[in-house]
Amino acid sequence: MNAKHVTFNMPVSLHHQLRVFVGSNKMSKFVCAAVQDKLAEERRGLRQAYMDAEKERKRKETLDEWKITEGEGWE
């Protein structure tokens, strides 16, 4: 596996919890798995937003097509 050494900050209390519950030697693997899960969740949300936007675009197109029926003579 290719790996990249990364330095980032986290609250001391969170780091302490990681050490206690995961162990110092397993923190990288745990953090990588957590980040992968969160990224997958973000991707799903973004995909859903794109799908919703597409539905809205199609709905607007349909409304625009039917706008002609709102004119006079259709009563």
Protein backbone atom coordinates (compact mmCIF):
# COMPACT_ATOMS: atom_id res chain seq x y z
CA MET A 1 0.00 0.00 0.00
CA ASN A 2 1.30 3.43 -0.88
CA ALA A 3 1.09 5.71 2.09
CA LYS A 4 1.47 9.41 2.71
CA HIS A 5 2.61 10.71 6.08
CA VAL A 6 0.08 13.35 7.16
CA THR A 7 0.22 15.81 10.01
CA PHE A 8 -2.98 17.36 11.32
CA ASN A 9 -4.33 18.72 14.57
CA MET A 10 -7.04 17.23 16.73
CA PRO A 11 -8.28 18.07 20.19
CA VAL A 12 -6.18 16.53 22.94
CA SER A 13 -9.24 14.82 24.41
CA LEU A 14 -10.00 13.14 21.08
CA HIS A 15 -6.41 11.95 20.74
CA HIS A 16 -6.58 10.56 24.26
CA GLN A 17 -9.78 8.66 23.42
CA LEU A 18 -8.15 7.22 20.31
CA ARG A 19 -5.16 6.02 22.31
CA VAL A 20 -7.38 4.48 25.00
CA PHE A 21 -9.95 2.78 22.78
CA VAL A 22 -7.94 2.00 19.64
CA GLY A 23 -4.35 1.91 20.81
CA SER A 24 -1.39 3.90 19.55
CA ASN A 25 -0.32 1.25 17.07
CA LYS A 26 -3.76 1.06 15.38
CA MET A 27 -4.66 4.76 15.19
CA SER A 28 -3.66 5.24 11.53
CA LYS A 29 -5.73 2.29 10.36
CA PHE A 30 -8.71 3.43 12.47
CA VAL A 31 -8.52 7.04 11.23
CA CYS A 32 -8.20 5.89 7.60
CA ALA A 33 -11.29 3.70 7.94
CA ALA A 34 -13.24 6.53 9.60
CA VAL A 35 -12.24 8.98 6.87
CA GLN A 36 -13.19 6.48 4.14
CA ASP A 37 -16.61 6.00 5.74
CA LYS A 38 -17.17 9.75 6.02
CA LEU A 39 -16.07 10.34 2.42
CA ALA A 40 -18.43 7.62 1.19
CA GLU A 41 -21.25 9.32 3.11
CA GLU A 42 -20.35 12.68 1.56
CA ARG A 43 -20.28 11.11 -1.93
CA ARG A 44 -23.73 9.61 -1.39
CA GLY A 45 -25.05 12.99 -0.25
CA LEU A 46 -23.53 14.78 -3.22
CA ARG A 47 -24.90 12.17 -5.63
CA GLN A 48 -28.35 12.58 -4.11
CA ALA A 49 -28.10 16.36 -4.40
CA TYR A 50 -27.25 16.04 -8.11
CA MET A 51 -30.17 13.66 -8.62
CA ASP A 52 -32.53 16.04 -6.80
CA ALA A 53 -31.25 18.98 -8.87
CA GLU A 54 -31.87 17.00 -12.07
CA LYS A 55 -35.43 16.19 -10.96
CA GLU A 56 -36.00 19.88 -10.23
CA ARG A 57 -34.65 20.86 -13.64
CA LYS A 58 -36.98 18.38 -15.37
CA ARG A 59 -39.90 19.57 -13.24
CA LYS A 60 -39.19 23.18 -14.24
CA GLU A 61 -38.98 22.20 -17.92
CA THR A 62 -42.37 20.46 -17.66
CA LEU A 63 -43.90 23.48 -15.93
CA ASP A 64 -42.49 25.76 -18.63
CA GLU A 65 -43.99 23.53 -21.34
CA TRP A 66 -47.41 23.69 -19.69
CA LYS A 67 -47.23 27.46 -19.05
CA ILE A 68 -48.90 28.04 -22.42
CA THR A 69 -52.12 26.56 -21.02
CA GLU A 70 -52.32 29.36 -18.45
CA GLY A 71 -53.17 31.89 -21.15
CA GLU A 72 -56.56 33.15 -22.24
CA GLY A 73 -58.85 30.84 -24.18
CA TRP A 74 -58.36 27.81 -21.95
CA GLU A 75 -61.12 28.56 -19.50
